[in-house]
Amino acid sequence: MAELVGGFLVPHDPMILTDPQAPPEAIRERITEAYAEVARRVADLAATTLIIIGTDHYLLFGPGCLPQALIGSGDVDGPLERLPGMRRRQLPDNNALARHLVSHGHRTGIDWAVADSLTVDHSVAIPYFRIGGDAELPVIPIYLACGVEPLLPLRRAEQIGQNLKAAVESWDGDERVVVIGSGGISHWVGTGDMGRVNEQFDRMVLDLVTAGDVAALVSLSDDYILEHGGNGGLEIRNFVAAMAALGPCTGNVIAYEAVPEWITGLGFAELVPSRAAEGIPS
């Protein structure tokens, strides 16, 4: 039987690669160590597959196709962009499980868009290469409409996460799945406020993650997020979906840095299923 054994929330800021020397050295080292710590914890969970939930950046989904929720269910490669130190290549996949997620969703109310050939962008590639790349873990990429209107409602992100949990647990293969919500937290992309970071908003989000309070995250309006967390803050949809996929859970913050040099508040957290938090073996 397949099982969702853990989850993580991590940033995917491409400026970590494109302008690596911008912040002070101590901040750079803490961010590098945070990714490494997540990789160690994924290894400790004996994960066999990663589900990475990324963002519908416009370079990947243009006006000709704007899916609300998409799964890469076939060949996967990336990254699409030319990023320093990150060579575009084929990524290990888990087509059988991905197609099961699609089939389960279609039977139970999730209208997945499907890509049987997908080149992922930095929102999937950066977490993958920093966390699962060395171990060559198979990856199932998912994209939610976080950045390009029409946006996926936060409540729908929660429903998608819940459906992923049910789908994984109905799979008869022996898989230990880790889900990663990729994005945020506060950042203003391509606006006059670009470079602004709102640490107060970021800490509020991380406090809700720590409490496992999906309902409070879902209750945030897009107008509130745009005002306090910027258009990049809308990526908390990926956090919501990952948390809902774990079911009842708590969060442990691994690291947080407000980095205006990289235009983003960078947060790392582990999601712990309630059964594990209560000492029940997973």
Protein backbone atom coordinates (compact mmCIF):
# COMPACT_ATOMS: atom_id res chain seq x y z
CA MET A 1 0.00 0.00 0.00
CA ALA A 2 1.25 3.47 -0.83
CA GLU A 3 1.52 6.09 1.88
CA LEU A 4 2.17 9.81 2.20
CA VAL A 5 4.91 9.70 4.80
CA GLY A 6 5.81 13.38 5.03
CA GLY A 7 5.81 16.79 3.46
CA PHE A 8 7.85 19.96 3.18
CA LEU A 9 7.36 23.59 2.18
CA VAL A 10 10.32 25.19 0.41
CA PRO A 11 11.03 28.24 -1.78
CA HIS A 12 11.94 28.11 -5.45
CA ASP A 13 13.52 31.55 -5.84
CA PRO A 14 15.61 31.46 -9.06
CA MET A 15 17.74 34.37 -7.86
CA ILE A 16 19.45 31.91 -5.52
CA LEU A 17 21.09 30.68 -8.73
CA THR A 18 21.10 33.76 -10.95
CA ASP A 19 22.49 36.20 -8.37
CA PRO A 20 24.03 33.93 -5.74
CA GLN A 21 26.35 36.50 -4.17
CA ALA A 22 23.69 39.19 -3.57
CA PRO A 23 22.87 38.56 0.12
CA PRO A 24 25.42 38.42 2.94
CA GLU A 25 27.38 35.18 3.14
CA ALA A 26 25.71 34.09 6.40
CA ILE A 27 22.27 34.24 4.79
CA ARG A 28 23.47 32.32 1.74
CA GLU A 29 24.90 29.62 3.97
CA ARG A 30 21.70 29.29 6.01
CA ILE A 31 19.60 28.91 2.85
CA THR A 32 21.98 26.29 1.44
CA GLU A 33 21.90 24.41 4.73
CA ALA A 34 18.09 24.56 4.87
CA TYR A 35 17.80 22.79 1.51
CA ALA A 36 20.39 20.25 2.65
CA GLU A 37 18.46 19.64 5.86
CA VAL A 38 15.27 19.01 3.90
CA ALA A 39 17.16 16.54 1.70
CA ARG A 40 18.42 14.72 4.80
CA ARG A 41 14.93 14.52 6.27
CA VAL A 42 13.51 13.20 2.99
CA ALA A 43 16.20 10.51 3.05
CA ASP A 44 15.35 9.68 6.67
CA LEU A 45 11.73 9.14 5.59
CA ALA A 46 12.93 6.54 3.06
CA ALA A 47 10.94 8.33 0.36
CA THR A 48 10.53 6.49 -2.94
CA THR A 49 8.69 9.25 -4.87
CA LEU A 50 8.37 13.03 -4.60
CA ILE A 51 5.25 14.95 -5.53
CA ILE A 52 6.32 18.58 -6.10
CA ILE A 53 3.55 21.18 -6.33
CA GLY A 54 4.71 24.20 -8.30
CA THR A 55 3.41 27.43 -9.78
CA ASP A 56 1.95 28.23 -13.20
CA HIS A 57 4.58 30.75 -14.20
CA TYR A 58 3.77 32.48 -17.45
CA LEU A 59 6.88 31.24 -19.25
CA LEU A 60 5.52 27.70 -18.92
CA PHE A 61 1.80 28.31 -19.42
CA GLY A 62 1.08 31.10 -21.87
CA PRO A 63 -2.27 32.47 -23.03
CA GLY A 64 -2.88 29.42 -25.21
CA CYS A 65 -3.27 27.09 -22.22
CA LEU A 66 -3.99 28.10 -18.61
CA PRO A 67 -4.73 24.95 -16.59
CA GLN A 68 -6.12 25.22 -13.09
CA ALA A 69 -4.36 22.04 -12.00
CA LEU A 70 -2.01 19.88 -14.05
CA ILE A 71 -0.08 16.65 -13.48
CA GLY A 72 2.97 15.57 -15.44
CA SER A 73 2.04 11.95 -16.01
CA GLY A 74 4.66 10.91 -18.55
CA ASP A 75 8.17 11.95 -19.52
CA VAL A 76 9.55 14.79 -17.38
CA ASP A 77 12.59 16.93 -18.01
CA GLY A 78 13.85 20.35 -16.97
CA PRO A 79 14.41 23.01 -16.06
CA LEU A 80 12.94 24.99 -18.92
CA GLU A 81 15.06 28.04 -18.07
CA ARG A 82 18.81 28.26 -18.40
CA LEU A 83 19.82 28.40 -14.75
CA PRO A 84 23.46 28.49 -13.62
CA GLY A 85 24.62 25.14 -12.32
CA MET A 86 21.39 23.36 -13.29
CA ARG A 87 21.60 21.41 -16.53
CA ARG A 88 18.37 20.58 -18.34
CA ARG A 89 17.97 16.82 -18.32
CA GLN A 90 15.50 13.99 -18.12
CA LEU A 91 14.14 13.48 -14.60
CA PRO A 92 13.16 10.14 -13.09
CA ASP A 93 9.38 9.72 -13.14
CA ASN A 94 6.72 7.49 -11.64
CA ASN A 95 4.27 7.30 -14.51
CA ALA A 96 2.19 4.51 -13.03
CA LEU A 97 1.44 6.37 -9.81
CA ALA A 98 0.96 9.68 -11.64
CA ARG A 99 -1.64 8.16 -13.94
CA HIS A 100 -3.37 6.62 -10.94
CA LEU A 101 -3.58 10.09 -9.36
CA VAL A 102 -5.17 11.39 -12.56
CA SER A 103 -7.63 8.50 -12.85
CA HIS A 104 -8.64 8.75 -9.20
CA GLY A 105 -9.12 12.49 -9.48
CA HIS A 106 -11.23 12.24 -12.61
CA ARG A 107 -13.48 9.69 -10.90
CA THR A 108 -13.84 11.79 -7.75
CA GLY A 109 -14.26 15.38 -8.86
CA ILE A 110 -10.82 16.75 -9.74
CA ASP A 111 -10.55 17.76 -13.40
CA TRP A 112 -6.82 17.29 -13.81
CA ALA A 113 -5.15 18.59 -16.93
CA VAL A 114 -2.57 16.06 -18.05
CA ALA A 115 0.85 16.42 -19.65
CA ASP A 116 2.33 13.15 -20.91
CA SER A 117 5.44 15.12 -21.83
CA LEU A 118 6.39 18.01 -19.59
CA THR A 119 9.38 20.31 -19.25
CA VAL A 120 9.24 21.70 -15.73
CA ASP A 121 10.32 25.20 -14.75
CA HIS A 122 12.25 26.38 -11.71
CA SER A 123 9.31 25.98 -9.33
CA VAL A 124 9.68 22.20 -9.63
CA ALA A 125 13.30 21.93 -10.76
CA ILE A 126 14.95 23.89 -7.94
CA PRO A 127 13.29 21.86 -5.15
CA TYR A 128 13.95 18.65 -7.07
CA PHE A 129 17.63 19.21 -7.71
CA ARG A 130 18.26 20.58 -4.22
CA ILE A 131 16.29 17.86 -2.40
CA GLY A 132 15.83 14.72 -4.49
CA GLY A 133 18.30 15.05 -7.32
CA ASP A 134 21.31 13.35 -5.72
CA ALA A 135 19.17 10.34 -4.79
CA GLU A 136 17.55 10.30 -8.26
CA LEU A 137 14.12 10.04 -6.67
CA PRO A 138 11.22 9.75 -9.11
CA VAL A 139 9.17 12.95 -9.25
CA ILE A 140 5.55 13.67 -10.08
CA PRO A 141 5.21 17.39 -10.94
CA ILE A 142 1.95 19.20 -10.26
CA TYR A 143 1.16 22.77 -11.23
CA LEU A 144 -1.57 24.90 -9.64
CA ALA A 145 -2.86 28.23 -10.95
CA CYS A 146 -1.17 30.55 -8.44
CA GLY A 147 0.21 33.30 -10.60
CA VAL A 148 -1.78 33.64 -13.82
CA GLU A 149 -5.47 34.48 -13.69
CA PRO A 150 -7.92 32.86 -13.39
CA LEU A 151 -6.43 31.77 -10.07
CA LEU A 152 -7.29 28.47 -8.44
CA PRO A 153 -9.41 29.20 -5.34
CA LEU A 154 -7.63 28.40 -2.09
CA ARG A 155 -10.46 26.09 -1.10
CA ARG A 156 -9.92 24.16 -4.34
CA ALA A 157 -6.23 23.81 -3.52
CA GLU A 158 -7.26 22.20 -0.25
CA GLN A 159 -9.63 19.83 -2.06
CA ILE A 160 -6.89 18.86 -4.50
CA GLY A 161 -4.57 18.06 -1.61
CA GLN A 162 -7.25 15.93 0.04
CA ASN A 163 -7.81 14.11 -3.23
CA LEU A 164 -4.10 13.44 -3.60
CA LYS A 165 -4.05 11.85 -0.16
CA ALA A 166 -6.96 9.56 -1.01
CA ALA A 167 -5.46 8.70 -4.39
CA VAL A 168 -2.04 7.80 -2.99
CA GLU A 169 -3.55 5.70 -0.22
CA SER A 170 -5.70 3.79 -2.74
CA TRP A 171 -2.66 2.81 -4.80
CA ASP A 172 -1.72 -0.83 -4.28
CA GLY A 173 1.96 -0.30 -5.01
CA ASP A 174 4.53 -0.12 -2.23
CA GLU A 175 5.40 3.58 -2.27
CA ARG A 176 6.56 6.03 0.36
CA VAL A 177 5.55 9.42 -1.01
CA VAL A 178 6.74 12.83 0.16
CA VAL A 179 4.84 15.93 -1.01
CA ILE A 180 6.57 19.29 -1.41
CA GLY A 181 4.74 22.61 -1.62
CA SER A 182 7.03 24.93 -3.58
CA GLY A 183 6.88 28.72 -3.45
CA GLY A 184 6.64 32.02 -1.59
CA ILE A 185 6.45 33.45 0.77
CA SER A 186 6.08 37.25 0.38
CA HIS A 187 7.36 38.73 -2.86
CA TRP A 188 6.22 41.23 -5.45
CA VAL A 189 7.09 40.12 -8.98
CA GLY A 190 7.32 42.69 -11.77
CA THR A 191 5.68 45.48 -9.75
CA GLY A 192 6.82 48.76 -8.24
CA ASP A 193 7.21 46.96 -4.89
CA MET A 194 9.61 44.38 -6.29
CA GLY A 195 12.28 43.80 -3.67
CA ARG A 196 9.91 44.33 -0.77
CA VAL A 197 9.63 41.50 1.77
CA ASN A 198 6.95 41.46 4.48
CA GLU A 199 8.38 39.43 7.33
CA GLN A 200 5.24 39.94 9.43
CA PHE A 201 3.08 38.29 6.75
CA ASP A 202 5.61 35.50 6.32
CA ARG A 203 5.74 34.78 10.06
CA MET A 204 1.94 34.72 10.18
CA VAL A 205 1.86 32.14 7.38
CA LEU A 206 4.54 30.02 9.05
CA ASP A 207 2.69 30.21 12.38
CA LEU A 208 -0.42 28.82 10.66
CA VAL A 209 1.70 26.11 9.06
CA THR A 210 3.16 25.23 12.46
CA ALA A 211 -0.34 24.95 13.89
CA GLY A 212 -1.49 22.89 10.91
CA ASP A 213 -4.30 25.40 10.44
CA VAL A 214 -5.28 24.85 6.83
CA ALA A 215 -8.68 26.44 7.42
CA ALA A 216 -7.10 29.75 8.41
CA LEU A 217 -4.87 29.77 5.34
CA VAL A 218 -7.85 28.99 3.11
CA SER A 219 -9.79 31.86 4.70
CA LEU A 220 -7.27 34.45 3.48
CA SER A 221 -8.65 36.49 0.61
CA ASP A 222 -6.59 37.08 -2.51
CA ASP A 223 -6.90 40.82 -1.92
CA TYR A 224 -5.38 40.41 1.55
CA ILE A 225 -2.56 38.25 0.21
CA LEU A 226 -1.82 40.69 -2.60
CA GLU A 227 -1.67 43.61 -0.16
CA HIS A 228 0.47 41.94 2.47
CA GLY A 229 2.35 39.19 0.61
CA GLY A 230 2.41 40.42 -2.98
CA ASN A 231 1.48 38.53 -6.10
CA GLY A 232 4.14 35.97 -5.21
CA GLY A 233 2.37 35.35 -1.90
CA LEU A 234 -0.47 33.79 -3.87
CA GLU A 235 1.77 30.72 -4.08
CA ILE A 236 0.59 29.68 -0.63
CA ARG A 237 -1.93 27.66 -2.64
CA ASN A 238 0.90 25.17 -3.02
CA PHE A 239 1.37 25.16 0.76
CA VAL A 240 -2.33 24.54 1.32
CA ALA A 241 -2.41 21.63 -1.14
CA ALA A 242 0.65 20.00 0.44
CA MET A 243 -0.74 20.39 3.96
CA ALA A 244 -4.12 18.97 2.92
CA ALA A 245 -2.39 16.03 1.26
CA LEU A 246 -0.84 15.12 4.60
CA GLY A 247 -4.23 15.35 6.30
CA PRO A 248 -4.15 16.58 9.89
CA CYS A 249 -0.58 17.67 10.45
CA THR A 250 1.66 20.04 12.31
CA GLY A 251 4.58 22.01 10.95
CA ASN A 252 8.14 22.50 12.09
CA VAL A 253 9.93 25.57 10.72
CA ILE A 254 13.40 24.62 9.51
CA ALA A 255 14.51 28.11 8.45
CA TYR A 256 13.23 31.53 7.51
CA GLU A 257 15.10 34.41 5.95
CA ALA A 258 13.77 37.75 4.68
CA VAL A 259 16.04 38.36 1.68
CA PRO A 260 15.26 41.56 -0.24
CA GLU A 261 18.38 40.94 -2.34
CA TRP A 262 16.55 37.87 -3.66
CA ILE A 263 13.18 39.75 -3.54
CA THR A 264 11.57 37.06 -1.38
CA GLY A 265 10.81 35.88 2.12
CA LEU A 266 12.23 32.35 2.06
CA GLY A 267 10.58 29.82 4.36
CA PHE A 268 11.33 26.13 4.92
CA ALA A 269 9.09 23.87 6.99
CA GLU A 270 8.51 20.17 7.55
CA LEU A 271 4.94 18.88 7.67
CA VAL A 272 4.43 16.05 10.13
CA PRO A 273 1.29 13.88 9.85
CA SER A 274 -0.62 13.83 13.12
CA ARG A 275 -0.17 10.08 13.48
CA ALA A 276 3.61 10.59 13.42
CA ALA A 277 3.39 13.54 15.80
CA GLU A 278 1.49 11.30 18.21
CA GLY A 279 4.14 8.60 18.06
CA ILE A 280 2.16 6.22 15.86
CA PRO A 281 4.48 4.49 13.34
CA SER A 282 3.98 5.54 9.72
